[in-house]
Structures are given as structure tokens and as C-alpha cells.
C-alpha atoms as a PDB file:
ATOM      1  CA  UNK A   1     161.509  81.836  57.120  1.00  0.00           C
ATOM      2  CA  UNK A   2     160.015  83.153  53.908  1.00  0.00           C
ATOM      3  CA  UNK A   3     158.166  79.864  53.081  1.00  0.00           C
ATOM      4  CA  UNK A   4     156.698  79.803  56.559  1.00  0.00           C
ATOM      5  CA  UNK A   5     155.371  83.315  56.156  1.00  0.00           C
ATOM      6  CA  UNK A   6     153.813  82.380  52.777  1.00  0.00           C
ATOM      7  CA  UNK A   7     152.146  79.299  54.324  1.00  0.00           C
ATOM      8  CA  UNK A   8     150.827  81.365  57.254  1.00  0.00           C
ATOM      9  CA  UNK A   9     149.439  83.943  54.832  1.00  0.00           C
ATOM     10  CA  UNK A  10     147.652  81.279  52.817  1.00  0.00           C
ATOM     11  CA  UNK A  11     146.160  79.736  55.949  1.00  0.00           C
ATOM     12  CA  UNK A  12     145.048  83.154  57.104  1.00  0.00           C
ATOM     13  CA  UNK A  13     143.299  83.793  53.786  1.00  0.00           C
ATOM     14  CA  UNK A  14     141.573  80.414  54.018  1.00  0.00           C
ATOM     15  CA  UNK A  15     140.357  81.137  57.546  1.00  0.00           C
ATOM     16  CA  UNK A  16     139.084  84.579  56.556  1.00  0.00           C
ATOM     17  CA  UNK A  17     137.289  83.130  53.522  1.00  0.00           C
ATOM     18  CA  UNK A  18     135.750  80.430  55.698  1.00  0.00           C
ATOM     19  CA  UNK A  19     134.561  83.047  58.163  1.00  0.00           C
ATOM     20  CA  UNK A  20     133.041  85.034  55.331  1.00  0.00           C
ATOM     21  CA  UNK A  21     131.354  81.900  53.972  1.00  0.00           C
ATOM     22  CA  UNK A  22     130.313  80.617  57.396  1.00  0.00           C
ATOM     23  CA  UNK A  23     126.677  81.756  57.064  1.00  0.00           C
ATOM     24  CA  UNK A  24     126.418  80.110  53.638  1.00  0.00           C
ATOM     25  CA  UNK A  25     128.042  76.919  54.967  1.00  0.00           C
ATOM     26  CA  UNK A  26     125.559  76.783  57.852  1.00  0.00           C
ATOM     27  CA  UNK A  27     122.654  77.221  55.424  1.00  0.00           C
ATOM     28  CA  UNK A  28     124.125  74.571  53.112  1.00  0.00           C
ATOM     29  CA  UNK A  29     124.431  72.117  56.024  1.00  0.00           C
ATOM     30  CA  UNK A  30     120.818  72.826  56.903  1.00  0.00           C
ATOM     31  CA  UNK A  31     119.873  72.139  53.269  1.00  0.00           C
ATOM     32  CA  UNK A  32     121.774  68.819  53.448  1.00  0.00           C
ATOM     33  CA  UNK A  33     119.884  67.923  56.618  1.00  0.00           C
ATOM     34  CA  UNK A  34     116.558  68.767  54.918  1.00  0.00           C
ATOM     35  CA  UNK A  35     117.665  66.679  51.913  1.00  0.00           C
ATOM     36  CA  UNK A  36     118.329  63.722  54.195  1.00  0.00           C
ATOM     37  CA  UNK A  37     114.854  64.048  55.710  1.00  0.00           C
ATOM     38  CA  UNK A  38     113.274  64.334  52.246  1.00  0.00           C
ATOM     39  CA  UNK A  39     115.200  61.285  51.005  1.00  0.00           C
ATOM     40  CA  UNK A  40     113.942  59.196  53.920  1.00  0.00           C
ATOM     41  CA  UNK A  41     110.404  60.488  53.366  1.00  0.00           C
ATOM     42  CA  UNK A  42     110.632  59.730  49.642  1.00  0.00           C
ATOM     43  CA  UNK A  43     111.836  56.176  50.357  1.00  0.00           C
ATOM     44  CA  UNK A  44     108.953  55.613  52.761  1.00  0.00           C
ATOM     45  CA  UNK A  45     106.379  56.968  50.331  1.00  0.00           C
ATOM     46  CA  UNK A  46     107.796  54.893  47.487  1.00  0.00           C
ATOM     47  CA  UNK A  47     107.837  51.700  49.602  1.00  0.00           C
ATOM     48  CA  UNK A  48     104.187  52.226  50.593  1.00  0.00           C
ATOM     49  CA  UNK A  49     103.220  52.990  46.976  1.00  0.00           C
ATOM     50  CA  UNK A  50     104.921  49.839  45.680  1.00  0.00           C
ATOM     51  CA  UNK A  51     103.820  47.569  48.500  1.00  0.00           C
ATOM     52  CA  UNK A  52     100.621  46.388  46.806  1.00  0.00           C
ATOM     53  CA  UNK A  53     102.154  46.036  43.351  1.00  0.00           C
ATOM     54  CA  UNK A  54     103.327  42.793  41.740  1.00  0.00           C
ATOM     55  CA  UNK A  55     106.760  44.177  40.889  1.00  0.00           C
ATOM     56  CA  UNK A  56     109.806  42.135  41.828  1.00  0.00           C
ATOM     57  CA  UNK A  57     111.448  43.001  45.175  1.00  0.00           C
ATOM     58  CA  UNK A  58     114.716  43.893  43.401  1.00  0.00           C
ATOM     59  CA  UNK A  59     112.858  46.247  41.063  1.00  0.00           C
ATOM     60  CA  UNK A  60     111.125  47.917  44.009  1.00  0.00           C
ATOM     61  CA  UNK A  61     114.537  48.413  45.656  1.00  0.00           C
ATOM     62  CA  UNK A  62     115.874  49.901  42.421  1.00  0.00           C
ATOM     63  CA  UNK A  63     113.028  52.403  42.036  1.00  0.00           C
ATOM     64  CA  UNK A  64     113.368  53.447  45.690  1.00  0.00           C
ATOM     65  CA  UNK A  65     117.142  53.845  45.263  1.00  0.00           C
ATOM     66  CA  UNK A  66     116.759  55.940  42.101  1.00  0.00           C
ATOM     67  CA  UNK A  67     114.260  58.266  43.803  1.00  0.00           C
ATOM     68  CA  UNK A  68     116.577  58.683  46.789  1.00  0.00           C
ATOM     69  CA  UNK A  69     119.527  59.454  44.477  1.00  0.00           C
ATOM     70  CA  UNK A  70     117.438  62.029  42.635  1.00  0.00           C
ATOM     71  CA  UNK A  71     116.561  63.770  45.914  1.00  0.00           C
ATOM     72  CA  UNK A  72     120.203  63.791  47.021  1.00  0.00           C
ATOM     73  CA  UNK A  73     121.432  65.171  43.697  1.00  0.00           C
ATOM     74  CA  UNK A  74     118.900  68.006  43.813  1.00  0.00           C
ATOM     75  CA  UNK A  75     119.751  68.807  47.442  1.00  0.00           C
ATOM     76  CA  UNK A  76     123.493  68.683  46.736  1.00  0.00           C
ATOM     77  CA  UNK A  77     123.118  71.096  43.829  1.00  0.00           C
ATOM     78  CA  UNK A  78     121.151  73.547  45.983  1.00  0.00           C
ATOM     79  CA  UNK A  79     123.771  73.350  48.759  1.00  0.00           C
ATOM     80  CA  UNK A  80     126.601  73.901  46.265  1.00  0.00           C
ATOM     81  CA  UNK A  81     124.926  76.996  44.786  1.00  0.00           C
ATOM     82  CA  UNK A  82     124.431  78.423  48.309  1.00  0.00           C
ATOM     83  CA  UNK A  83     128.111  77.991  49.241  1.00  0.00           C
ATOM     84  CA  UNK A  84     129.453  79.033  45.807  1.00  0.00           C
ATOM     85  CA  UNK A  85     127.035  81.616  44.370  1.00  0.00           C
ATOM     86  CA  UNK A  86     128.975  81.688  41.132  1.00  0.00           C
ATOM     87  CA  UNK A  87     127.833  78.186  40.293  1.00  0.00           C
ATOM     88  CA  UNK A  88     124.719  77.674  38.256  1.00  0.00           C
ATOM     89  CA  UNK A  89     122.668  74.508  37.706  1.00  0.00           C
ATOM     90  CA  UNK A  90     123.628  74.617  34.023  1.00  0.00           C
ATOM     91  CA  UNK A  91     127.384  74.664  34.763  1.00  0.00           C
ATOM     92  CA  UNK A  92     126.997  71.850  37.333  1.00  0.00           C
ATOM     93  CA  UNK A  93     125.038  69.720  34.872  1.00  0.00           C
ATOM     94  CA  UNK A  94     127.730  70.340  32.230  1.00  0.00           C
ATOM     95  CA  UNK A  95     130.373  69.254  34.707  1.00  0.00           C
ATOM     96  CA  UNK A  96     128.378  66.188  35.589  1.00  0.00           C
ATOM     97  CA  UNK A  97     128.062  65.364  31.897  1.00  0.00           C
ATOM     98  CA  UNK A  98     131.833  65.522  31.292  1.00  0.00           C
ATOM     99  CA  UNK A  99     132.485  63.583  34.461  1.00  0.00           C
ATOM    100  CA  UNK A 100     129.951  60.954  33.598  1.00  0.00           C
ATOM    101  CA  UNK A 101     131.647  60.329  30.239  1.00  0.00           C
ATOM    102  CA  UNK A 102     135.025  59.788  31.943  1.00  0.00           C
ATOM    103  CA  UNK A 103     133.478  57.572  34.613  1.00  0.00           C
ATOM    104  CA  UNK A 104     131.570  55.662  31.945  1.00  0.00           C
ATOM    105  CA  UNK A 105     134.762  54.725  30.122  1.00  0.00           C
ATOM    106  CA  UNK A 106     136.477  53.766  33.354  1.00  0.00           C
ATOM    107  CA  UNK A 107     133.606  51.612  34.632  1.00  0.00           C
ATOM    108  CA  UNK A 108     132.152  50.378  31.345  1.00  0.00           C
ATOM    109  CA  UNK A 109     131.584  46.798  32.462  1.00  0.00           C
ATOM    110  CA  UNK A 110     129.949  47.869  35.736  1.00  0.00           C
ATOM    111  CA  UNK A 111     127.498  50.210  34.017  1.00  0.00           C
ATOM    112  CA  UNK A 112     126.841  47.601  31.313  1.00  0.00           C
ATOM    113  CA  UNK A 113     125.809  45.074  33.960  1.00  0.00           C
ATOM    114  CA  UNK A 114     123.821  47.753  35.779  1.00  0.00           C
ATOM    115  CA  UNK A 115     121.772  48.698  32.726  1.00  0.00           C
ATOM    116  CA  UNK A 116     121.334  45.042  31.775  1.00  0.00           C
ATOM    117  CA  UNK A 117     120.057  44.363  35.301  1.00  0.00           C
ATOM    118  CA  UNK A 118     117.476  47.154  35.033  1.00  0.00           C
ATOM    119  CA  UNK A 119     116.167  45.735  31.738  1.00  0.00           C
ATOM    120  CA  UNK A 120     116.069  42.177  33.125  1.00  0.00           C
ATOM    121  CA  UNK A 121     114.174  43.382  36.184  1.00  0.00           C
ATOM    122  CA  UNK A 122     111.454  44.799  33.955  1.00  0.00           C
ATOM    123  CA  UNK A 123     111.141  41.524  32.033  1.00  0.00           C
ATOM    124  CA  UNK A 124     108.391  39.099  33.015  1.00  0.00           C
ATOM    125  CA  UNK A 125     109.832  36.053  31.225  1.00  0.00           C
ATOM    126  CA  UNK A 126     112.492  35.281  33.823  1.00  0.00           C
ATOM    127  CA  UNK A 127     111.330  35.163  37.451  1.00  0.00           C
ATOM    128  CA  UNK A 128     112.740  34.093  40.792  1.00  0.00           C
ATOM    129  CA  UNK A 129     112.450  30.305  41.022  1.00  0.00           C
ATOM    130  CA  UNK A 130     112.604  29.701  37.229  1.00  0.00           C
ATOM    131  CA  UNK A 131     114.997  27.098  35.873  1.00  0.00           C
ATOM    132  CA  UNK A 132     117.129  28.612  33.124  1.00  0.00           C
ATOM    133  CA  UNK A 133     120.060  27.692  30.910  1.00  0.00           C
ATOM    134  CA  UNK A 134     122.531  30.204  29.437  1.00  0.00           C
ATOM    135  CA  UNK A 135     126.050  29.688  28.102  1.00  0.00           C
ATOM    136  CA  UNK A 136     126.393  26.293  29.745  1.00  0.00           C
ATOM    137  CA  UNK A 137     125.063  27.520  33.113  1.00  0.00           C
ATOM    138  CA  UNK A 138     121.846  25.768  34.170  1.00  0.00           C
ATOM    139  CA  UNK A 139     119.921  26.049  37.424  1.00  0.00           C
ATOM    140  CA  UNK A 140     117.288  27.872  39.413  1.00  0.00           C
ATOM    141  CA  UNK A 141     117.185  31.662  39.664  1.00  0.00           C
ATOM    142  CA  UNK A 142     117.694  32.500  43.338  1.00  0.00           C
ATOM    143  CA  UNK A 143     118.085  36.284  43.065  1.00  0.00           C
ATOM    144  CA  UNK A 144     118.137  39.006  40.440  1.00  0.00           C
ATOM    145  CA  UNK A 145     120.167  41.990  41.625  1.00  0.00           C
ATOM    146  CA  UNK A 146     121.207  45.201  39.888  1.00  0.00           C
ATOM    147  CA  UNK A 147     124.623  43.945  38.706  1.00  0.00           C
ATOM    148  CA  UNK A 148     124.357  40.163  38.823  1.00  0.00           C
ATOM    149  CA  UNK A 149     121.962  37.228  39.096  1.00  0.00           C
ATOM    150  CA  UNK A 150     122.371  34.256  41.404  1.00  0.00           C
ATOM    151  CA  UNK A 151     121.805  30.845  39.755  1.00  0.00           C
ATOM    152  CA  UNK A 152     121.588  27.740  41.952  1.00  0.00           C
ATOM    153  CA  UNK A 153     122.717  24.730  39.884  1.00  0.00           C
ATOM    154  CA  UNK A 154     121.088  21.345  40.228  1.00  0.00           C
ATOM    155  CA  UNK A 155     124.134  20.065  42.156  1.00  0.00           C
ATOM    156  CA  UNK A 156     123.618  22.787  44.763  1.00  0.00           C
ATOM    157  CA  UNK A 157     126.435  25.101  43.698  1.00  0.00           C
ATOM    158  CA  UNK A 158     125.749  28.830  43.444  1.00  0.00           C
ATOM    159  CA  UNK A 159     126.869  30.625  40.283  1.00  0.00           C
ATOM    160  CA  UNK A 160     126.915  34.456  40.270  1.00  0.00           C
ATOM    161  CA  UNK A 161     126.357  35.567  36.672  1.00  0.00           C
ATOM    162  CA  UNK A 162     126.917  39.156  35.476  1.00  0.00           C
ATOM    163  CA  UNK A 163     123.647  40.491  34.095  1.00  0.00           C
ATOM    164  CA  UNK A 164     125.307  41.469  30.798  1.00  0.00           C
ATOM    165  CA  UNK A 165     125.777  37.758  30.019  1.00  0.00           C
ATOM    166  CA  UNK A 166     122.049  37.032  30.533  1.00  0.00           C
ATOM    167  CA  UNK A 167     121.134  40.120  28.486  1.00  0.00           C
ATOM    168  CA  UNK A 168     123.410  39.563  25.481  1.00  0.00           C
ATOM    169  CA  UNK A 169     123.047  35.788  25.130  1.00  0.00           C
ATOM    170  CA  UNK A 170     120.028  33.509  24.482  1.00  0.00           C
ATOM    171  CA  UNK A 171     118.456  32.299  27.731  1.00  0.00           C
ATOM    172  CA  UNK A 172     116.340  29.139  27.825  1.00  0.00           C
ATOM    173  CA  UNK A 173     113.619  29.441  30.496  1.00  0.00           C
ATOM    174  CA  UNK A 174     112.635  25.836  31.158  1.00  0.00           C
ATOM    175  CA  UNK A 175     109.835  26.676  33.581  1.00  0.00           C
ATOM    176  CA  UNK A 176     108.150  29.432  31.606  1.00  0.00           C
ATOM    177  CA  UNK A 177     105.212  27.018  31.470  1.00  0.00           C
ATOM    178  CA  UNK A 178     104.309  24.478  34.142  1.00  0.00           C
ATOM    179  CA  UNK A 179     104.627  21.599  31.650  1.00  0.00           C
ATOM    180  CA  UNK A 180     107.474  20.342  29.513  1.00  0.00           C
ATOM    181  CA  UNK A 181     107.672  17.809  26.688  1.00  0.00           C
ATOM    182  CA  UNK A 182     110.016  14.853  27.127  1.00  0.00           C
ATOM    183  CA  UNK A 183     111.296  12.492  24.462  1.00  0.00           C
ATOM    184  CA  UNK A 184     112.905   9.037  24.655  1.00  0.00           C
ATOM    185  CA  UNK A 185     113.812   6.457  22.007  1.00  0.00           C
ATOM    186  CA  UNK A 186     112.552   2.871  22.348  1.00  0.00           C
ATOM    187  CA  UNK A 187     113.545   0.062  19.954  1.00  0.00           C
ATOM    188  CA  UNK A 188     111.770  -3.212  19.135  1.00  0.00           C
ATOM    189  CA  UNK A 189     112.991  -6.159  17.069  1.00  0.00           C
ATOM    190  CA  UNK A 190     112.521  -6.181  13.291  1.00  0.00           C
ATOM    191  CA  UNK A 191     110.266  -9.241  13.341  1.00  0.00           C
ATOM    192  CA  UNK A 192     107.738  -7.715  15.780  1.00  0.00           C
ATOM    193  CA  UNK A 193     104.334  -6.266  14.857  1.00  0.00           C
ATOM    194  CA  UNK A 194     104.978  -2.520  14.826  1.00  0.00           C
ATOM    195  CA  UNK A 195     101.336  -1.501  15.294  1.00  0.00           C
ATOM    196  CA  UNK A 196     101.022  -3.762  18.325  1.00  0.00           C
ATOM    197  CA  UNK A 197     104.299  -2.469  19.751  1.00  0.00           C
ATOM    198  CA  UNK A 198     103.169   1.139  19.216  1.00  0.00           C
ATOM    199  CA  UNK A 199      99.927   0.493  21.115  1.00  0.00           C
ATOM    200  CA  UNK A 200     101.684  -1.245  24.002  1.00  0.00           C
ATOM    201  CA  UNK A 201     104.135   1.661  24.365  1.00  0.00           C
ATOM    202  CA  UNK A 202     101.326   4.269  24.239  1.00  0.00           C
ATOM    203  CA  UNK A 203      99.280   2.396  26.835  1.00  0.00           C
ATOM    204  CA  UNK A 204     102.307   2.026  29.117  1.00  0.00           C
ATOM    205  CA  UNK A 205     103.048   5.763  28.937  1.00  0.00           C
ATOM    206  CA  UNK A 206      99.412   6.707  29.555  1.00  0.00           C
ATOM    207  CA  UNK A 207      99.363   4.572  32.715  1.00  0.00           C
ATOM    208  CA  UNK A 208     102.191   6.594  34.351  1.00  0.00           C
ATOM    209  CA  UNK A 209     101.112   9.011  37.063  1.00  0.00           C
ATOM    210  CA  UNK A 210     103.772  11.622  36.171  1.00  0.00           C
ATOM    211  CA  UNK A 211     102.456  11.999  32.588  1.00  0.00           C
ATOM    212  CA  UNK A 212     100.225  15.032  32.004  1.00  0.00           C
ATOM    213  CA  UNK A 213      97.311  14.160  29.751  1.00  0.00           C
ATOM    214  CA  UNK A 214      94.062  15.906  28.814  1.00  0.00           C
ATOM    215  CA  UNK A 215      94.793  18.199  25.882  1.00  0.00           C
ATOM    216  CA  UNK A 216      98.484  17.216  25.920  1.00  0.00           C
ATOM    217  CA  UNK A 217      99.007  14.273  23.562  1.00  0.00           C
ATOM    218  CA  UNK A 218     101.149  11.188  23.966  1.00  0.00           C
ATOM    219  CA  UNK A 219     102.887  10.527  20.682  1.00  0.00           C
ATOM    220  CA  UNK A 220     104.621   7.341  19.515  1.00  0.00           C
ATOM    221  CA  UNK A 221     106.178   7.445  16.053  1.00  0.00           C
ATOM    222  CA  UNK A 222     108.370   4.931  14.247  1.00  0.00           C
ATOM    223  CA  UNK A 223     111.525   6.933  13.675  1.00  0.00           C
ATOM    224  CA  UNK A 224     114.279   4.959  12.018  1.00  0.00           C
ATOM    225  CA  UNK A 225     115.762   1.625  10.923  1.00  0.00           C
ATOM    226  CA  UNK A 226     118.529   1.076  13.447  1.00  0.00           C
ATOM    227  CA  UNK A 227     121.192  -1.635  13.369  1.00  0.00           C
ATOM    228  CA  UNK A 228     119.253  -4.087  15.524  1.00  0.00           C
ATOM    229  CA  UNK A 229     115.801  -2.564  15.948  1.00  0.00           C
ATOM    230  CA  UNK A 230     113.042  -0.356  14.664  1.00  0.00           C
ATOM    231  CA  UNK A 231     113.253   2.760  16.847  1.00  0.00           C
ATOM    232  CA  UNK A 232     110.158   4.561  18.146  1.00  0.00           C
ATOM    233  CA  UNK A 233     110.249   8.210  19.227  1.00  0.00           C
ATOM    234  CA  UNK A 234     108.078   8.454  22.344  1.00  0.00           C
ATOM    235  CA  UNK A 235     107.012  11.926  23.555  1.00  0.00           C
ATOM    236  CA  UNK A 236     104.804  13.020  26.428  1.00  0.00           C
ATOM    237  CA  UNK A 237     104.273  16.021  28.728  1.00  0.00           C
ATOM    238  CA  UNK A 238     105.218  16.254  32.390  1.00  0.00           C
ATOM    239  CA  UNK A 239     106.178  18.875  35.006  1.00  0.00           C
ATOM    240  CA  UNK A 240     108.722  21.527  33.971  1.00  0.00           C
ATOM    241  CA  UNK A 241     111.315  21.268  36.720  1.00  0.00           C
ATOM    242  CA  UNK A 242     114.373  19.032  36.289  1.00  0.00           C
ATOM    243  CA  UNK A 243     113.397  16.726  39.136  1.00  0.00           C
ATOM    244  CA  UNK A 244     109.906  16.244  37.644  1.00  0.00           C
ATOM    245  CA  UNK A 245     111.449  15.392  34.264  1.00  0.00           C
ATOM    246  CA  UNK A 246     113.824  12.826  35.803  1.00  0.00           C
ATOM    247  CA  UNK A 247     111.050  11.205  37.823  1.00  0.00           C
ATOM    248  CA  UNK A 248     108.805  10.985  34.783  1.00  0.00           C
ATOM    249  CA  UNK A 249     111.542   9.473  32.623  1.00  0.00           C
ATOM    250  CA  UNK A 250     112.217   6.859  35.308  1.00  0.00           C
ATOM    251  CA  UNK A 251     108.535   5.909  35.516  1.00  0.00           C
ATOM    252  CA  UNK A 252     107.968   5.843  31.773  1.00  0.00           C
ATOM    253  CA  UNK A 253     111.081   3.816  30.913  1.00  0.00           C
ATOM    254  CA  UNK A 254     110.236   1.259  33.596  1.00  0.00           C
ATOM    255  CA  UNK A 255     106.580   1.107  32.506  1.00  0.00           C
ATOM    256  CA  UNK A 256     107.421   0.664  28.809  1.00  0.00           C
ATOM    257  CA  UNK A 257     109.887  -2.122  29.637  1.00  0.00           C
ATOM    258  CA  UNK A 258     107.281  -3.983  31.716  1.00  0.00           C
ATOM    259  CA  UNK A 259     104.597  -3.485  29.059  1.00  0.00           C
ATOM    260  CA  UNK A 260     106.736  -4.851  26.221  1.00  0.00           C
ATOM    261  CA  UNK A 261     107.897  -7.806  28.357  1.00  0.00           C
ATOM    262  CA  UNK A 262     104.303  -8.671  29.296  1.00  0.00           C
ATOM    263  CA  UNK A 263     103.276  -8.516  25.633  1.00  0.00           C
ATOM    264  CA  UNK A 264     106.187 -10.730  24.597  1.00  0.00           C
ATOM    265  CA  UNK A 265     107.675  -8.008  22.370  1.00  0.00           C
ATOM    266  CA  UNK A 266     111.464  -8.137  22.137  1.00  0.00           C
ATOM    267  CA  UNK A 267     113.695  -5.180  22.950  1.00  0.00           C
ATOM    268  CA  UNK A 268     116.763  -6.458  21.107  1.00  0.00           C
ATOM    269  CA  UNK A 269     120.372  -6.303  22.203  1.00  0.00           C
ATOM    270  CA  UNK A 270     122.765  -5.028  19.525  1.00  0.00           C
ATOM    271  CA  UNK A 271     123.784  -7.903  17.265  1.00  0.00           C
ATOM    272  CA  UNK A 272     125.349  -8.438  13.843  1.00  0.00           C
ATOM    273  CA  UNK A 273     124.641 -10.907  11.074  1.00  0.00           C
ATOM    274  CA  UNK A 274     127.787 -12.091   9.295  1.00  0.00           C
ATOM    275  CA  UNK A 275     127.523 -13.313   5.662  1.00  0.00           C
ATOM    276  CA  UNK A 276     130.355 -15.261   4.010  1.00  0.00           C
ATOM    277  CA  UNK A 277     130.699 -15.509   0.254  1.00  0.00           C
ATOM    278  CA  UNK A 278     131.915 -19.126   0.397  1.00  0.00           C
ATOM    279  CA  UNK A 279     130.862 -22.015   2.712  1.00  0.00           C
ATOM    280  CA  UNK A 280     133.061 -22.437   5.765  1.00  0.00           C
ATOM    281  CA  UNK A 281     134.780 -25.749   6.490  1.00  0.00           C
ATOM    282  CA  UNK A 282     133.794 -26.868   9.964  1.00  0.00           C
ATOM    283  CA  UNK A 283     135.780 -29.295  12.112  1.00  0.00           C
ATOM    284  CA  UNK A 284     133.842 -31.156  14.807  1.00  0.00           C
ATOM    285  CA  UNK A 285     136.993 -32.280  16.662  1.00  0.00           C
ATOM    286  CA  UNK A 286     139.659 -35.017  16.429  1.00  0.00           C
ATOM    287  CA  UNK A 287     139.826 -38.720  17.440  1.00  0.00           C
ATOM    288  CA  UNK A 288     142.200 -40.237  20.004  1.00  0.00           C
ATOM    289  CA  UNK A 289     144.891 -40.847  17.375  1.00  0.00           C
ATOM    290  CA  UNK A 290     145.111 -37.178  16.723  1.00  0.00           C
ATOM    291  CA  UNK A 291     143.691 -37.447  13.197  1.00  0.00           C
ATOM    292  CA  UNK A 292     141.112 -34.890  12.250  1.00  0.00           C
ATOM    293  CA  UNK A 293     137.719 -35.994  11.129  1.00  0.00           C
ATOM    294  CA  UNK A 294     136.695 -35.545   7.543  1.00  0.00           C
ATOM    295  CA  UNK A 295     135.912 -31.892   7.023  1.00  0.00           C
ATOM    296  CA  UNK A 296     132.361 -31.001   6.161  1.00  0.00           C
ATOM    297  CA  UNK A 297     131.115 -28.169   4.133  1.00  0.00           C
END
């Protein structure tokens, strides 16, 4: 029976202490209620203040969330001091500091992605709808959240990328501008007039509707002596999205082929010229008796 008596005594002490602290608990609950109202009010004020800005929606949500957390932390500290008068803001902040170090080690990757997400949200170089490429992942940015970004690949698949990857690795933003330069290689036969071929190729590219012109030049340069052809490097500017690039390549390749054909300029197939040190003996066939004809050289 002795353990039962000890348990009853402890429960009695807890009840008495609760009764003594009941006024403070009621006041603390009232403070929590006021904190809830202030947090809602702060969110509403922040939403109205950010409504007319050009900040990203995810960044607006982050700022609103941080303000709400700040209000709740302040209200929680006030409520704790009311219930436990021995506590001071300094001691609570010290406890939070020690706890945050332990939590930081335990959730290192989560906080790394969180901080990377905040930095990415403040960047202007990568926006929703941009086409990017990073670490072999290429597609359109659908969403930038606090911890991860959603990349829609050109085949329709969704890739969820931790923000730390986008922060620590080089990211190619293909649609940072609304134009993009495209390059193809076009070969003509060695015995063709290169200046005439260059002009035909340039005219064919300029006639394509998907080619951006004006201040953006079309360039055709003889690049190399290939096995069967003189290769030209052909560059032009078109839209920045992948589908615009593919459409433009299709139109330009078709137009250059037609232009060279109409001008009678050969686009050679790969071929080889064989040279023998000594003349070959050729046989034209055999007669009905099975005897070979006299070999010729």
C-alpha cells in the first residue's frame, strides 16, 4: 500500500499546484487567444500589403508565414512567463538557442533546403514558367516552394527537386530572354562554289518565318574540311522555348535543303576515294569454253 500512498500524495500535490496556478493558467490561455487573433490580423495585414507587389506568390506566403510565427513565438513567451514567473525572456531565448542547435543537426538537410528556397525565392533570374536545366534535369518551372521546386519535363513528367540542388549547382535558364540562338551544320560538295552556297543558305534561312531578324544576325561560316564535304556552321535566332527551337530547326533544315536543290548545289553523301599503288588487273568475263579472256591492265 505504500506505493499507492506515495502516488496519491504526488497527485494531490499536482492538483494543489494546479489550483494555485489556475489564475495564471487562465490568463495564459487568454494571452494565447489574443495571440491567435493577432496572428490572423497580422496575416491579413501582410496579405493586403503584398497584394499590389510583384513578389512571387511563394515568397508572399513565406513572408506571411514568418510574420505569423513571430507573433506566435512572442505570445508563447508571454504566456510561459505568466504561468512560470521564474522564467525570463533571456533564459527562454538561451533554451531556444541550445534547442535550435540540436534540431539543426538532426534536420540539417531540411533546413538546408529551406534556406536555399528562401534565397531562390528572392532571385529574379528563375521564374515560374522558365525552362531550366540543372544536373541533367530539364523542363519548365511549375512551382517554387520553400523546400523544393517542381520541374515539368518536356515529356510531361513532374520532377520534384530539392532546392539545395538548384542552389549549389549551376542552373541554365533557357528562357531568361525571349530569344535563343540555334546552330546547325550543313555540308556541300568540295567542287561547289562556296560563296554561292553560303548565299543560298543565308537566303533560305532568312526566308523562314520562325527566324527572328532585325538586329539579330544570321551567320553562315565555313567551318571545316570534312570527309565528303565542306561544312558550314549556320546560326540564327528564334524563340527561347524548346518547342519553338524544334519548329525553327525543322523549318530551316527543310528550307536550306530546298534552296540548295533548286540552285543545283550538291549535299554529298559520305563516300571514299580508294587509291591503289599498282594497276589492278580487270577481267571482263569468260567465254563459253570456260577460258578467261586476256587480262587487261
